[in-house]
Amino acid sequence: MHVLFACPHNDPADWLPGLTAELPDCKISVWDPSGPPSGADVALVWKPPAALIEHETGLKALFNLGAGVDALLQMDLPPHIQIVRLEDAGMGVQMAEYALYALLRVSRRFGQYERDQAEQRWAPQPGLRREQWPVGVLGLGEMGGRVAQSIAAFDYPVLGWSRSPRTVAGVQTYAGTEQLPAFLRRTRVLVNVLPLTPETTGILDRAILSQLMPGAHLINVGRGGHVNEADLLALLDEGKLDGATLDVFDTEPLPAGHPLWSHPRVHVTPHIAASTLRAEAIAQIAAKIRRLARGEPISGVVAPQRGY
């Protein structure tokens, strides 16, 4: 098996030693777009250029070095090439940490205490009543399920919505388009963990966000393309949303001067909710490559028609 490292934005020196140790029987090389085709069987990628597919015509699988595969699904890939996503690889716990951080910052009013400190004001806020802060997790895949269960462990009421029915311990679940309005009406803090697909692009617009409980807060750790930013800003200005914690954006880095930077009800972080952990990712990918080499099935293969 020939494995090609084709991540122009990552230093191969950070990845090759671990890959070589995990896959001693494989040939491992770095993609050189100026050289002849490598003849590789599989490639490790993150937002690769279209030239990779044109150059490396022997590829049978692309292993994505991140959770989101939307960039790959937008490419014109031959139908025989499998897309294989990372399954957690240390990102689930990070996503849960971020969601909890954002939820606690809002429900425990830590943001207000930051403002009070700047003005040297001593002003204890009322105690937290968790029943007043129902949390809805939009998307109950591997990441979303971990987020929902982690929040439930802190005794917040937790709801979860997914396209098809799922069962998550400690979480009241909803499924399908027909149950989405009931999910939204009972949600005060909405945590978006959906994959980005044609069906979910722009899903967080005025029509959806207006159905949340009064005083609602949006936490977006999915993709920037899920949010209609103009609708979000308008709802914040109108007081129909209390605030938003945003880690992902339509354009990244978020452009200088963008109104989300300075909006008083928006908390911005630079796409850091869950980063790929190299050692965990290498171990997972290597195990799957070994199975492929033996002709065995692997998990995490993306269904293009679903988008995940």
C-alpha atoms as a PDB file:
ATOM      1  CA  MET A   1       0.000   0.000   0.000  1.00  0.00           C
ATOM      2  CA  HIS A   2       1.363   3.412  -1.027  1.00  0.00           C
ATOM      3  CA  VAL A   3       0.237   6.281   1.232  1.00  0.00           C
ATOM      4  CA  LEU A   4       0.528   9.869  -0.001  1.00  0.00           C
ATOM      5  CA  PHE A   5       0.636  12.826   2.374  1.00  0.00           C
ATOM      6  CA  ALA A   6      -1.093  15.596   0.417  1.00  0.00           C
ATOM      7  CA  CYS A   7      -1.744  18.435   2.860  1.00  0.00           C
ATOM      8  CA  PRO A   8      -0.064  21.581   1.495  1.00  0.00           C
ATOM      9  CA  HIS A   9      -0.959  23.528   4.655  1.00  0.00           C
ATOM     10  CA  ASN A  10       0.618  20.995   7.046  1.00  0.00           C
ATOM     11  CA  ASP A  11       4.310  20.328   7.591  1.00  0.00           C
ATOM     12  CA  PRO A  12       4.998  16.719   6.502  1.00  0.00           C
ATOM     13  CA  ALA A  13       7.779  16.526   9.101  1.00  0.00           C
ATOM     14  CA  ASP A  14       5.102  16.638  11.804  1.00  0.00           C
ATOM     15  CA  TRP A  15       3.232  13.659  10.361  1.00  0.00           C
ATOM     16  CA  LEU A  16       5.657  11.336   8.574  1.00  0.00           C
ATOM     17  CA  PRO A  17       7.492   9.906  11.615  1.00  0.00           C
ATOM     18  CA  GLY A  18       4.219   8.813  13.193  1.00  0.00           C
ATOM     19  CA  LEU A  19       2.856   7.424   9.941  1.00  0.00           C
ATOM     20  CA  THR A  20       6.068   5.511   9.277  1.00  0.00           C
ATOM     21  CA  ALA A  21       6.021   4.014  12.772  1.00  0.00           C
ATOM     22  CA  GLU A  22       2.389   2.937  12.449  1.00  0.00           C
ATOM     23  CA  LEU A  23       2.674   1.694   8.860  1.00  0.00           C
ATOM     24  CA  PRO A  24       6.142   0.115   8.523  1.00  0.00           C
ATOM     25  CA  ASP A  25       5.043  -2.067   5.605  1.00  0.00           C
ATOM     26  CA  CYS A  26       3.653   0.828   3.553  1.00  0.00           C
ATOM     27  CA  LYS A  27       5.421   3.200   1.230  1.00  0.00           C
ATOM     28  CA  ILE A  28       4.832   6.759   2.442  1.00  0.00           C
ATOM     29  CA  SER A  29       5.602   9.813   0.352  1.00  0.00           C
ATOM     30  CA  VAL A  30       4.764  13.502   0.130  1.00  0.00           C
ATOM     31  CA  TRP A  31       2.823  14.806  -2.840  1.00  0.00           C
ATOM     32  CA  ASP A  32       4.919  16.740  -5.332  1.00  0.00           C
ATOM     33  CA  PRO A  33       2.623  18.459  -7.848  1.00  0.00           C
ATOM     34  CA  SER A  34       5.585  19.316 -10.075  1.00  0.00           C
ATOM     35  CA  GLY A  35       6.807  15.724 -10.338  1.00  0.00           C
ATOM     36  CA  PRO A  36       5.356  12.628 -12.014  1.00  0.00           C
ATOM     37  CA  PRO A  37       2.319  10.874 -10.479  1.00  0.00           C
ATOM     38  CA  SER A  38       3.329   8.926  -7.396  1.00  0.00           C
ATOM     39  CA  GLY A  39       1.125   5.903  -8.021  1.00  0.00           C
ATOM     40  CA  ALA A  40      -0.280   6.170  -4.479  1.00  0.00           C
ATOM     41  CA  ASP A  41      -3.277   4.106  -3.410  1.00  0.00           C
ATOM     42  CA  VAL A  42      -4.573   6.440  -0.697  1.00  0.00           C
ATOM     43  CA  ALA A  43      -3.941  10.053   0.272  1.00  0.00           C
ATOM     44  CA  LEU A  44      -4.144  11.956   3.542  1.00  0.00           C
ATOM     45  CA  VAL A  45      -5.736  15.320   2.774  1.00  0.00           C
ATOM     46  CA  TRP A  46      -7.254  18.483   4.167  1.00  0.00           C
ATOM     47  CA  LYS A  47      -8.980  20.805   1.683  1.00  0.00           C
ATOM     48  CA  PRO A  48      -6.808  19.535  -1.192  1.00  0.00           C
ATOM     49  CA  PRO A  49      -6.546  21.354  -4.531  1.00  0.00           C
ATOM     50  CA  ALA A  50      -8.365  19.868  -7.513  1.00  0.00           C
ATOM     51  CA  ALA A  51      -4.944  19.323  -9.088  1.00  0.00           C
ATOM     52  CA  LEU A  52      -4.332  16.449  -6.677  1.00  0.00           C
ATOM     53  CA  ILE A  53      -7.091  14.325  -8.227  1.00  0.00           C
ATOM     54  CA  GLU A  54      -6.009  15.218 -11.754  1.00  0.00           C
ATOM     55  CA  HIS A  55      -2.398  14.371 -10.948  1.00  0.00           C
ATOM     56  CA  GLU A  56      -2.848  11.243  -8.830  1.00  0.00           C
ATOM     57  CA  THR A  57      -5.199   9.162 -10.939  1.00  0.00           C
ATOM     58  CA  GLY A  58      -4.567   5.924  -9.047  1.00  0.00           C
ATOM     59  CA  LEU A  59      -6.069   7.046  -5.742  1.00  0.00           C
ATOM     60  CA  LYS A  60      -8.758   4.817  -4.289  1.00  0.00           C
ATOM     61  CA  ALA A  61      -9.397   6.625  -1.011  1.00  0.00           C
ATOM     62  CA  LEU A  62      -8.968  10.041   0.597  1.00  0.00           C
ATOM     63  CA  PHE A  63      -8.493  10.161   4.368  1.00  0.00           C
ATOM     64  CA  ASN A  64      -9.663  13.530   5.648  1.00  0.00           C
ATOM     65  CA  LEU A  65      -7.574  15.021   8.480  1.00  0.00           C
ATOM     66  CA  GLY A  66     -10.534  16.836  10.013  1.00  0.00           C
ATOM     67  CA  ALA A  67     -14.130  16.246  11.008  1.00  0.00           C
ATOM     68  CA  GLY A  68     -15.809  18.172   8.181  1.00  0.00           C
ATOM     69  CA  VAL A  69     -15.786  16.661   4.691  1.00  0.00           C
ATOM     70  CA  ASP A  70     -17.753  19.410   2.923  1.00  0.00           C
ATOM     71  CA  ALA A  71     -14.673  20.649   1.032  1.00  0.00           C
ATOM     72  CA  LEU A  72     -14.113  17.172  -0.435  1.00  0.00           C
ATOM     73  CA  LEU A  73     -17.758  16.736  -1.361  1.00  0.00           C
ATOM     74  CA  GLN A  74     -17.604  19.961  -3.359  1.00  0.00           C
ATOM     75  CA  MET A  75     -14.848  18.511  -5.547  1.00  0.00           C
ATOM     76  CA  ASP A  76     -15.503  16.601  -8.749  1.00  0.00           C
ATOM     77  CA  LEU A  77     -14.234  13.255  -7.484  1.00  0.00           C
ATOM     78  CA  PRO A  78     -14.372  10.061  -9.539  1.00  0.00           C
ATOM     79  CA  PRO A  79     -17.060   7.768  -8.097  1.00  0.00           C
ATOM     80  CA  HIS A  80     -14.553   5.038  -7.234  1.00  0.00           C
ATOM     81  CA  ILE A  81     -12.691   7.239  -4.726  1.00  0.00           C
ATOM     82  CA  GLN A  82     -13.862   6.734  -1.152  1.00  0.00           C
ATOM     83  CA  ILE A  83     -13.859   9.618   1.315  1.00  0.00           C
ATOM     84  CA  VAL A  84     -12.992   8.488   4.836  1.00  0.00           C
ATOM     85  CA  ARG A  85     -13.658  10.864   7.714  1.00  0.00           C
ATOM     86  CA  LEU A  86     -12.004  10.991  11.108  1.00  0.00           C
ATOM     87  CA  GLU A  87     -14.195   9.437  13.770  1.00  0.00           C
ATOM     88  CA  ASP A  88     -13.641  11.582  16.846  1.00  0.00           C
ATOM     89  CA  ALA A  89      -9.829  11.095  17.174  1.00  0.00           C
ATOM     90  CA  GLY A  90      -9.831  13.293  20.256  1.00  0.00           C
ATOM     91  CA  MET A  91     -12.113  15.978  18.808  1.00  0.00           C
ATOM     92  CA  GLY A  92     -15.316  14.926  20.584  1.00  0.00           C
ATOM     93  CA  VAL A  93     -14.095  15.828  24.044  1.00  0.00           C
ATOM     94  CA  GLN A  94     -12.776  19.170  22.778  1.00  0.00           C
ATOM     95  CA  MET A  95     -16.143  19.948  21.181  1.00  0.00           C
ATOM     96  CA  ALA A  96     -17.901  19.070  24.439  1.00  0.00           C
ATOM     97  CA  GLU A  97     -15.493  21.283  26.400  1.00  0.00           C
ATOM     98  CA  TYR A  98     -16.160  24.212  24.084  1.00  0.00           C
ATOM     99  CA  ALA A  99     -19.941  23.804  24.236  1.00  0.00           C
ATOM    100  CA  LEU A 100     -19.813  23.632  28.029  1.00  0.00           C
ATOM    101  CA  TYR A 101     -17.544  26.676  28.189  1.00  0.00           C
ATOM    102  CA  ALA A 102     -19.940  28.690  26.026  1.00  0.00           C
ATOM    103  CA  LEU A 103     -23.010  27.473  27.912  1.00  0.00           C
ATOM    104  CA  LEU A 104     -21.525  28.224  31.341  1.00  0.00           C
ATOM    105  CA  ARG A 105     -20.287  31.621  30.208  1.00  0.00           C
ATOM    106  CA  VAL A 106     -23.856  32.551  29.310  1.00  0.00           C
ATOM    107  CA  SER A 107     -25.947  30.745  31.924  1.00  0.00           C
ATOM    108  CA  ARG A 108     -23.611  31.576  34.836  1.00  0.00           C
ATOM    109  CA  ARG A 109     -23.198  35.131  33.465  1.00  0.00           C
ATOM    110  CA  PHE A 110     -19.413  34.982  33.373  1.00  0.00           C
ATOM    111  CA  GLY A 111     -19.436  37.383  30.423  1.00  0.00           C
ATOM    112  CA  GLN A 112     -21.162  39.946  32.624  1.00  0.00           C
ATOM    113  CA  TYR A 113     -18.536  39.452  35.337  1.00  0.00           C
ATOM    114  CA  GLU A 114     -15.803  40.153  32.751  1.00  0.00           C
ATOM    115  CA  ARG A 115     -17.504  43.451  31.943  1.00  0.00           C
ATOM    116  CA  ASP A 116     -17.964  44.209  35.636  1.00  0.00           C
ATOM    117  CA  GLN A 117     -14.268  43.627  36.312  1.00  0.00           C
ATOM    118  CA  ALA A 118     -13.325  46.080  33.568  1.00  0.00           C
ATOM    119  CA  GLU A 119     -15.416  48.702  35.384  1.00  0.00           C
ATOM    120  CA  GLN A 120     -14.318  47.568  38.884  1.00  0.00           C
ATOM    121  CA  ARG A 121     -17.935  46.792  39.767  1.00  0.00           C
ATOM    122  CA  TRP A 122     -18.806  44.161  42.415  1.00  0.00           C
ATOM    123  CA  ALA A 123     -22.221  42.843  41.362  1.00  0.00           C
ATOM    124  CA  PRO A 124     -23.113  39.206  42.119  1.00  0.00           C
ATOM    125  CA  GLN A 125     -25.726  37.815  39.716  1.00  0.00           C
ATOM    126  CA  PRO A 126     -28.714  35.660  40.745  1.00  0.00           C
ATOM    127  CA  GLY A 127     -27.993  31.954  41.174  1.00  0.00           C
ATOM    128  CA  LEU A 128     -28.402  29.560  38.265  1.00  0.00           C
ATOM    129  CA  ARG A 129     -31.686  27.689  37.815  1.00  0.00           C
ATOM    130  CA  ARG A 130     -30.850  25.050  35.232  1.00  0.00           C
ATOM    131  CA  GLU A 131     -34.459  24.305  34.355  1.00  0.00           C
ATOM    132  CA  GLN A 132     -34.583  27.776  32.826  1.00  0.00           C
ATOM    133  CA  TRP A 133     -31.718  26.922  30.459  1.00  0.00           C
ATOM    134  CA  PRO A 134     -32.795  23.989  28.264  1.00  0.00           C
ATOM    135  CA  VAL A 135     -30.079  23.173  25.744  1.00  0.00           C
ATOM    136  CA  GLY A 136     -30.838  21.859  22.262  1.00  0.00           C
ATOM    137  CA  VAL A 137     -28.097  20.058  20.343  1.00  0.00           C
ATOM    138  CA  LEU A 138     -28.669  20.210  16.612  1.00  0.00           C
ATOM    139  CA  GLY A 139     -27.023  17.100  15.154  1.00  0.00           C
ATOM    140  CA  LEU A 140     -26.543  13.867  17.105  1.00  0.00           C
ATOM    141  CA  GLY A 141     -23.674  12.205  15.276  1.00  0.00           C
ATOM    142  CA  GLU A 142     -20.514  11.162  17.065  1.00  0.00           C
ATOM    143  CA  MET A 143     -19.640  14.751  18.005  1.00  0.00           C
ATOM    144  CA  GLY A 144     -23.172  15.889  18.784  1.00  0.00           C
ATOM    145  CA  GLY A 145     -23.919  12.874  20.934  1.00  0.00           C
ATOM    146  CA  ARG A 146     -20.785  13.499  22.987  1.00  0.00           C
ATOM    147  CA  VAL A 147     -21.722  17.172  23.399  1.00  0.00           C
ATOM    148  CA  ALA A 148     -25.294  16.363  24.453  1.00  0.00           C
ATOM    149  CA  GLN A 149     -24.260  13.769  27.045  1.00  0.00           C
ATOM    150  CA  SER A 150     -21.558  16.023  28.491  1.00  0.00           C
ATOM    151  CA  ILE A 151     -24.018  18.871  29.008  1.00  0.00           C
ATOM    152  CA  ALA A 152     -26.613  16.515  30.495  1.00  0.00           C
ATOM    153  CA  ALA A 153     -23.998  15.415  33.063  1.00  0.00           C
ATOM    154  CA  PHE A 154     -24.126  18.981  34.420  1.00  0.00           C
ATOM    155  CA  ASP A 155     -27.885  18.605  35.044  1.00  0.00           C
ATOM    156  CA  TYR A 156     -29.048  20.968  32.309  1.00  0.00           C
ATOM    157  CA  PRO A 157     -32.192  19.816  30.478  1.00  0.00           C
ATOM    158  CA  VAL A 158     -30.893  18.572  27.113  1.00  0.00           C
ATOM    159  CA  LEU A 159     -32.746  17.992  23.869  1.00  0.00           C
ATOM    160  CA  GLY A 160     -31.271  16.629  20.675  1.00  0.00           C
ATOM    161  CA  TRP A 161     -32.389  16.728  17.046  1.00  0.00           C
ATOM    162  CA  SER A 162     -31.191  14.603  14.157  1.00  0.00           C
ATOM    163  CA  ARG A 163     -32.385  13.846  10.650  1.00  0.00           C
ATOM    164  CA  SER A 164     -33.199  10.249  11.543  1.00  0.00           C
ATOM    165  CA  PRO A 165     -34.202   8.858  14.978  1.00  0.00           C
ATOM    166  CA  ARG A 166     -31.409   8.353  17.507  1.00  0.00           C
ATOM    167  CA  THR A 167     -31.291   7.416  21.172  1.00  0.00           C
ATOM    168  CA  VAL A 168     -28.885   9.261  23.506  1.00  0.00           C
ATOM    169  CA  ALA A 169     -28.856   8.516  27.223  1.00  0.00           C
ATOM    170  CA  GLY A 170     -30.128  11.435  29.292  1.00  0.00           C
ATOM    171  CA  VAL A 171     -31.292  13.377  26.228  1.00  0.00           C
ATOM    172  CA  GLN A 172     -34.814  13.883  24.894  1.00  0.00           C
ATOM    173  CA  THR A 173     -34.478  13.303  21.184  1.00  0.00           C
ATOM    174  CA  TYR A 174     -36.381  14.583  18.177  1.00  0.00           C
ATOM    175  CA  ALA A 175     -36.017  13.534  14.553  1.00  0.00           C
ATOM    176  CA  GLY A 176     -37.014  14.682  11.103  1.00  0.00           C
ATOM    177  CA  THR A 177     -38.396  17.899   9.695  1.00  0.00           C
ATOM    178  CA  GLU A 178     -41.780  17.435  11.329  1.00  0.00           C
ATOM    179  CA  GLN A 179     -40.299  17.388  14.861  1.00  0.00           C
ATOM    180  CA  LEU A 180     -37.877  20.293  14.374  1.00  0.00           C
ATOM    181  CA  PRO A 181     -40.344  23.053  15.431  1.00  0.00           C
ATOM    182  CA  ALA A 182     -41.103  21.295  18.739  1.00  0.00           C
ATOM    183  CA  PHE A 183     -37.373  20.926  19.382  1.00  0.00           C
ATOM    184  CA  LEU A 184     -36.736  24.608  18.688  1.00  0.00           C
ATOM    185  CA  ARG A 185     -39.644  25.850  20.843  1.00  0.00           C
ATOM    186  CA  ARG A 186     -38.187  24.087  23.888  1.00  0.00           C
ATOM    187  CA  THR A 187     -34.596  25.275  23.310  1.00  0.00           C
ATOM    188  CA  ARG A 188     -33.005  28.311  24.930  1.00  0.00           C
ATOM    189  CA  VAL A 189     -29.367  27.542  24.085  1.00  0.00           C
ATOM    190  CA  LEU A 190     -28.924  26.028  20.621  1.00  0.00           C
ATOM    191  CA  VAL A 191     -25.662  24.162  19.982  1.00  0.00           C
ATOM    192  CA  ASN A 192     -25.134  23.466  16.289  1.00  0.00           C
ATOM    193  CA  VAL A 193     -23.027  20.378  15.526  1.00  0.00           C
ATOM    194  CA  LEU A 194     -24.522  19.510  12.134  1.00  0.00           C
ATOM    195  CA  PRO A 195     -22.430  18.476   9.132  1.00  0.00           C
ATOM    196  CA  LEU A 196     -22.529  20.942   6.249  1.00  0.00           C
ATOM    197  CA  THR A 197     -24.575  19.513   3.383  1.00  0.00           C
ATOM    198  CA  PRO A 198     -26.736  21.101   0.669  1.00  0.00           C
ATOM    199  CA  GLU A 199     -29.736  20.530   2.964  1.00  0.00           C
ATOM    200  CA  THR A 200     -28.142  22.206   6.000  1.00  0.00           C
ATOM    201  CA  THR A 201     -26.427  25.141   4.264  1.00  0.00           C
ATOM    202  CA  GLY A 202     -27.992  28.341   5.615  1.00  0.00           C
ATOM    203  CA  ILE A 203     -30.288  26.380   7.945  1.00  0.00           C
ATOM    204  CA  LEU A 204     -29.728  28.788  10.842  1.00  0.00           C
ATOM    205  CA  ASP A 205     -31.708  31.667   9.380  1.00  0.00           C
ATOM    206  CA  ARG A 206     -34.451  33.973  10.648  1.00  0.00           C
ATOM    207  CA  ALA A 207     -37.176  31.351  10.225  1.00  0.00           C
ATOM    208  CA  ILE A 208     -35.353  28.770  12.369  1.00  0.00           C
ATOM    209  CA  LEU A 209     -33.734  31.030  14.965  1.00  0.00           C
ATOM    210  CA  SER A 210     -36.991  32.924  15.571  1.00  0.00           C
ATOM    211  CA  GLN A 211     -38.583  29.700  16.869  1.00  0.00           C
ATOM    212  CA  LEU A 212     -36.216  29.443  19.855  1.00  0.00           C
ATOM    213  CA  MET A 213     -37.280  30.378  23.379  1.00  0.00           C
ATOM    214  CA  PRO A 214     -37.090  34.044  24.458  1.00  0.00           C
ATOM    215  CA  GLY A 215     -33.585  35.019  25.560  1.00  0.00           C
ATOM    216  CA  ALA A 216     -32.057  32.383  23.280  1.00  0.00           C
ATOM    217  CA  HIS A 217     -28.344  31.999  22.609  1.00  0.00           C
ATOM    218  CA  LEU A 218     -26.689  30.327  19.605  1.00  0.00           C
ATOM    219  CA  ILE A 219     -23.465  28.316  19.913  1.00  0.00           C
ATOM    220  CA  ASN A 220     -22.108  27.378  16.481  1.00  0.00           C
ATOM    221  CA  VAL A 221     -19.353  24.765  16.337  1.00  0.00           C
ATOM    222  CA  GLY A 222     -20.554  23.208  13.083  1.00  0.00           C
ATOM    223  CA  ARG A 223     -19.674  25.211   9.986  1.00  0.00           C
ATOM    224  CA  GLY A 224     -19.933  28.889   9.125  1.00  0.00           C
ATOM    225  CA  GLY A 225     -22.104  27.986   6.146  1.00  0.00           C
ATOM    226  CA  HIS A 226     -24.883  26.881   8.478  1.00  0.00           C
ATOM    227  CA  VAL A 227     -25.555  30.456   9.605  1.00  0.00           C
ATOM    228  CA  ASN A 228     -27.227  33.222   7.651  1.00  0.00           C
ATOM    229  CA  GLU A 229     -25.038  35.934   9.186  1.00  0.00           C
ATOM    230  CA  ALA A 230     -27.268  38.813   8.043  1.00  0.00           C
ATOM    231  CA  ASP A 231     -30.316  37.191   9.681  1.00  0.00           C
ATOM    232  CA  LEU A 232     -28.336  36.479  12.846  1.00  0.00           C
ATOM    233  CA  LEU A 233     -27.153  40.085  13.171  1.00  0.00           C
ATOM    234  CA  ALA A 234     -30.667  41.401  12.553  1.00  0.00           C
ATOM    235  CA  LEU A 235     -32.177  39.128  15.223  1.00  0.00           C
ATOM    236  CA  LEU A 236     -29.509  40.205  17.715  1.00  0.00           C
ATOM    237  CA  ASP A 237     -30.140  43.874  16.984  1.00  0.00           C
ATOM    238  CA  GLU A 238     -33.898  43.361  17.328  1.00  0.00           C
ATOM    239  CA  GLY A 239     -33.448  41.634  20.691  1.00  0.00           C
ATOM    240  CA  LYS A 240     -35.023  38.419  19.402  1.00  0.00           C
ATOM    241  CA  LEU A 241     -31.795  36.595  20.198  1.00  0.00           C
ATOM    242  CA  ASP A 242     -29.870  37.346  23.371  1.00  0.00           C
ATOM    243  CA  GLY A 243     -26.465  36.393  22.018  1.00  0.00           C
ATOM    244  CA  ALA A 244     -24.229  34.087  20.007  1.00  0.00           C
ATOM    245  CA  THR A 245     -20.953  32.264  20.560  1.00  0.00           C
ATOM    246  CA  LEU A 246     -19.393  31.610  17.166  1.00  0.00           C
ATOM    247  CA  ASP A 247     -16.329  29.512  16.379  1.00  0.00           C
ATOM    248  CA  VAL A 248     -16.839  29.116  12.616  1.00  0.00           C
ATOM    249  CA  PHE A 249     -17.690  31.612   9.891  1.00  0.00           C
ATOM    250  CA  ASP A 250     -18.643  31.879   6.230  1.00  0.00           C
ATOM    251  CA  THR A 251     -15.271  33.471   5.493  1.00  0.00           C
ATOM    252  CA  GLU A 252     -12.232  32.465   7.557  1.00  0.00           C
ATOM    253  CA  PRO A 253     -10.316  34.215   8.931  1.00  0.00           C
ATOM    254  CA  LEU A 254     -13.202  36.502   9.805  1.00  0.00           C
ATOM    255  CA  PRO A 255     -12.470  39.683   7.792  1.00  0.00           C
ATOM    256  CA  ALA A 256     -11.355  42.819   9.586  1.00  0.00           C
ATOM    257  CA  GLY A 257     -14.263  45.178  10.089  1.00  0.00           C
ATOM    258  CA  HIS A 258     -16.880  42.429   9.967  1.00  0.00           C
ATOM    259  CA  PRO A 259     -19.761  43.402  12.302  1.00  0.00           C
ATOM    260  CA  LEU A 260     -19.502  40.099  14.188  1.00  0.00           C
ATOM    261  CA  TRP A 261     -16.119  41.199  15.579  1.00  0.00           C
ATOM    262  CA  SER A 262     -17.565  44.143  17.470  1.00  0.00           C
ATOM    263  CA  HIS A 263     -21.173  43.183  18.154  1.00  0.00           C
ATOM    264  CA  PRO A 264     -21.755  43.444  21.920  1.00  0.00           C
ATOM    265  CA  ARG A 265     -23.794  40.224  22.001  1.00  0.00           C
ATOM    266  CA  VAL A 266     -21.382  38.073  20.006  1.00  0.00           C
ATOM    267  CA  HIS A 267     -18.416  36.115  21.364  1.00  0.00           C
ATOM    268  CA  VAL A 268     -15.922  35.129  18.647  1.00  0.00           C
ATOM    269  CA  THR A 269     -13.252  32.406  18.682  1.00  0.00           C
ATOM    270  CA  PRO A 270     -11.004  31.512  15.705  1.00  0.00           C
ATOM    271  CA  HIS A 271     -12.193  27.991  14.722  1.00  0.00           C
ATOM    272  CA  ILE A 272     -10.572  26.301  17.712  1.00  0.00           C
ATOM    273  CA  ALA A 273     -13.475  24.330  19.194  1.00  0.00           C
ATOM    274  CA  ALA A 274     -11.935  20.997  18.159  1.00  0.00           C
ATOM    275  CA  SER A 275      -8.512  20.526  16.587  1.00  0.00           C
ATOM    276  CA  THR A 276      -7.168  17.354  15.041  1.00  0.00           C
ATOM    277  CA  LEU A 277      -4.920  15.565  17.548  1.00  0.00           C
ATOM    278  CA  ARG A 278      -2.073  14.204  15.463  1.00  0.00           C
ATOM    279  CA  ALA A 279      -1.244  11.036  17.388  1.00  0.00           C
ATOM    280  CA  GLU A 280      -4.884   9.957  17.672  1.00  0.00           C
ATOM    281  CA  ALA A 281      -5.559  10.753  14.010  1.00  0.00           C
ATOM    282  CA  ILE A 282      -2.499   8.811  12.813  1.00  0.00           C
ATOM    283  CA  ALA A 283      -3.427   5.769  14.911  1.00  0.00           C
ATOM    284  CA  GLN A 284      -6.993   5.746  13.594  1.00  0.00           C
ATOM    285  CA  ILE A 285      -6.029   6.281   9.952  1.00  0.00           C
ATOM    286  CA  ALA A 286      -3.250   3.687  10.108  1.00  0.00           C
ATOM    287  CA  ALA A 287      -5.633   1.069  11.518  1.00  0.00           C
ATOM    288  CA  LYS A 288      -8.018   1.671   8.644  1.00  0.00           C
ATOM    289  CA  ILE A 289      -5.261   1.540   6.028  1.00  0.00           C
ATOM    290  CA  ARG A 290      -4.129  -1.802   7.430  1.00  0.00           C
ATOM    291  CA  ARG A 291      -7.689  -3.102   7.112  1.00  0.00           C
ATOM    292  CA  LEU A 292      -7.900  -1.848   3.538  1.00  0.00           C
ATOM    293  CA  ALA A 293      -4.629  -3.585   2.719  1.00  0.00           C
ATOM    294  CA  ARG A 294      -6.162  -6.833   4.008  1.00  0.00           C
ATOM    295  CA  GLY A 295      -9.304  -6.287   1.953  1.00  0.00           C
ATOM    296  CA  GLU A 296     -11.458  -5.705   5.039  1.00  0.00           C
ATOM    297  CA  PRO A 297     -14.243  -3.106   5.402  1.00  0.00           C
ATOM    298  CA  ILE A 298     -13.633   0.108   7.341  1.00  0.00           C
ATOM    299  CA  SER A 299     -15.863   2.548   9.199  1.00  0.00           C
ATOM    300  CA  GLY A 300     -16.122   6.264   8.598  1.00  0.00           C
ATOM    301  CA  VAL A 301     -16.696   6.010   4.836  1.00  0.00           C
ATOM    302  CA  VAL A 302     -18.722   9.034   3.725  1.00  0.00           C
ATOM    303  CA  ALA A 303     -21.954   8.560   1.770  1.00  0.00           C
ATOM    304  CA  PRO A 304     -21.870  11.419  -0.771  1.00  0.00           C
ATOM    305  CA  GLN A 305     -25.646  11.431  -1.139  1.00  0.00           C
ATOM    306  CA  ARG A 306     -26.017  12.122   2.599  1.00  0.00           C
ATOM    307  CA  GLY A 307     -23.031  14.444   2.857  1.00  0.00           C
ATOM    308  CA  TYR A 308     -21.454  12.670   5.854  1.00  0.00           C
END
